[in-house]
C-alpha atoms as a PDB file:
ATOM      1  CA  MET A   1     -16.420  30.097  26.594  1.00  0.00           C
ATOM      2  CA  SER A   2     -14.019  27.724  24.934  1.00  0.00           C
ATOM      3  CA  THR A   3     -11.475  28.652  22.309  1.00  0.00           C
ATOM      4  CA  THR A   4      -9.387  26.289  20.266  1.00  0.00           C
ATOM      5  CA  HIS A   5      -6.374  27.055  18.162  1.00  0.00           C
ATOM      6  CA  ARG A   6      -5.785  25.298  14.866  1.00  0.00           C
ATOM      7  CA  HIS A   7      -2.190  25.565  13.750  1.00  0.00           C
ATOM      8  CA  ARG A   8      -1.736  27.080  10.333  1.00  0.00           C
ATOM      9  CA  ALA A   9       1.553  27.323   8.496  1.00  0.00           C
ATOM     10  CA  ASP A  10       2.756  30.874   7.880  1.00  0.00           C
ATOM     11  CA  PRO A  11       4.174  30.714   4.319  1.00  0.00           C
ATOM     12  CA  LYS A  12       6.546  33.619   5.036  1.00  0.00           C
ATOM     13  CA  ARG A  13       8.261  31.570   7.756  1.00  0.00           C
ATOM     14  CA  THR A  14       8.568  28.190   5.985  1.00  0.00           C
ATOM     15  CA  GLU A  15      12.163  26.975   5.772  1.00  0.00           C
ATOM     16  CA  THR A  16      13.533  24.491   3.231  1.00  0.00           C
ATOM     17  CA  ARG A  17      16.176  22.109   4.560  1.00  0.00           C
ATOM     18  CA  PRO A  18      17.908  19.059   3.093  1.00  0.00           C
ATOM     19  CA  PHE A  19      16.318  15.695   3.808  1.00  0.00           C
ATOM     20  CA  SER A  20      17.744  14.277   7.044  1.00  0.00           C
ATOM     21  CA  GLY A  21      15.706  11.144   7.777  1.00  0.00           C
ATOM     22  CA  CYS A  22      12.326   9.800   8.796  1.00  0.00           C
ATOM     23  CA  ILE A  23      10.263  12.296  10.831  1.00  0.00           C
ATOM     24  CA  THR A  24       7.174  10.263  11.770  1.00  0.00           C
ATOM     25  CA  TRP A  25       6.047   6.681  12.171  1.00  0.00           C
ATOM     26  CA  PRO A  26       5.223   4.881   9.991  1.00  0.00           C
ATOM     27  CA  CYS A  27       7.770   6.290   7.574  1.00  0.00           C
ATOM     28  CA  ASN A  28       6.838   6.993   3.970  1.00  0.00           C
ATOM     29  CA  PRO A  29       9.974   5.981   2.021  1.00  0.00           C
ATOM     30  CA  ALA A  30       8.609   7.576  -1.164  1.00  0.00           C
ATOM     31  CA  ALA A  31       8.826  10.994   0.568  1.00  0.00           C
ATOM     32  CA  HIS A  32      12.517  10.513   1.448  1.00  0.00           C
ATOM     33  CA  GLY A  33      15.428  11.993  -0.470  1.00  0.00           C
ATOM     34  CA  GLY A  34      13.987  15.362  -1.451  1.00  0.00           C
ATOM     35  CA  VAL A  35      13.649  18.263   0.969  1.00  0.00           C
ATOM     36  CA  CYS A  36      12.370  18.788   4.492  1.00  0.00           C
ATOM     37  CA  LEU A  37      10.085  21.781   4.934  1.00  0.00           C
ATOM     38  CA  ILE A  38       9.909  23.332   8.409  1.00  0.00           C
ATOM     39  CA  GLU A  39       6.577  25.115   8.782  1.00  0.00           C
ATOM     40  CA  HIS A  40       5.966  27.613  11.575  1.00  0.00           C
ATOM     41  CA  CYS A  41       2.616  28.678  13.032  1.00  0.00           C
ATOM     42  CA  LYS A  42       2.164  32.256  14.224  1.00  0.00           C
ATOM     43  CA  CYS A  43       1.851  30.908  17.798  1.00  0.00           C
ATOM     44  CA  GLY A  44       5.432  29.551  17.597  1.00  0.00           C
ATOM     45  CA  ALA A  45       4.634  25.860  17.038  1.00  0.00           C
ATOM     46  CA  TRP A  46       6.400  24.093  14.160  1.00  0.00           C
ATOM     47  CA  ARG A  47       6.280  20.872  12.154  1.00  0.00           C
ATOM     48  CA  ALA A  48       8.480  19.123   9.615  1.00  0.00           C
ATOM     49  CA  ILE A  49       7.311  17.789   6.247  1.00  0.00           C
ATOM     50  CA  ASN A  50       9.488  15.542   4.073  1.00  0.00           C
ATOM     51  CA  SER A  51       8.643  16.085   0.419  1.00  0.00           C
ATOM     52  CA  ASN A  52       9.865  14.220  -2.655  1.00  0.00           C
ATOM     53  CA  ALA A  53       8.198  14.006  -6.097  1.00  0.00           C
ATOM     54  CA  GLY A  54       4.756  14.848  -4.720  1.00  0.00           C
ATOM     55  CA  GLN A  55       4.972  12.384  -1.816  1.00  0.00           C
ATOM     56  CA  LEU A  56       4.672  13.827   1.706  1.00  0.00           C
ATOM     57  CA  GLU A  57       5.563  12.655   5.191  1.00  0.00           C
ATOM     58  CA  THR A  58       4.100  15.090   7.726  1.00  0.00           C
ATOM     59  CA  ALA A  59       5.061  15.214  11.411  1.00  0.00           C
ATOM     60  CA  LEU A  60       2.772  16.468  14.165  1.00  0.00           C
ATOM     61  CA  TRP A  61       2.922  20.090  15.322  1.00  0.00           C
ATOM     62  CA  GLU A  62       5.494  20.610  18.092  1.00  0.00           C
ATOM     63  CA  PRO A  63       5.489  23.336  20.761  1.00  0.00           C
ATOM     64  CA  PRO A  64       8.045  26.148  20.288  1.00  0.00           C
ATOM     65  CA  ALA A  65      10.435  24.812  22.958  1.00  0.00           C
ATOM     66  CA  ALA A  66      10.735  21.434  21.222  1.00  0.00           C
ATOM     67  CA  VAL A  67      13.030  22.534  18.398  1.00  0.00           C
ATOM     68  CA  ARG A  68      15.168  19.539  17.482  1.00  0.00           C
ATOM     69  CA  GLU A  69      18.852  20.059  16.766  1.00  0.00           C
ATOM     70  CA  VAL A  70      18.601  18.012  13.555  1.00  0.00           C
ATOM     71  CA  HIS A  71      16.360  20.690  12.003  1.00  0.00           C
ATOM     72  CA  ARG A  72      18.451  23.721  12.973  1.00  0.00           C
END
């Protein structure tokens, strides 16, 4: 029996932070300058999303222990 877990953002735990720079490669400059959303999955994983005027730059999900100081 195989089980897989798909990360899903828990809207109650989403944090809004100021934009702090590119979060993935290639960068999407149109998504820079607005806010950075930190989404958390119920399993503890998290990801960052830069958002500006409808443009998004979405990072990959990170394990709970990989919290970066820049997003604290």
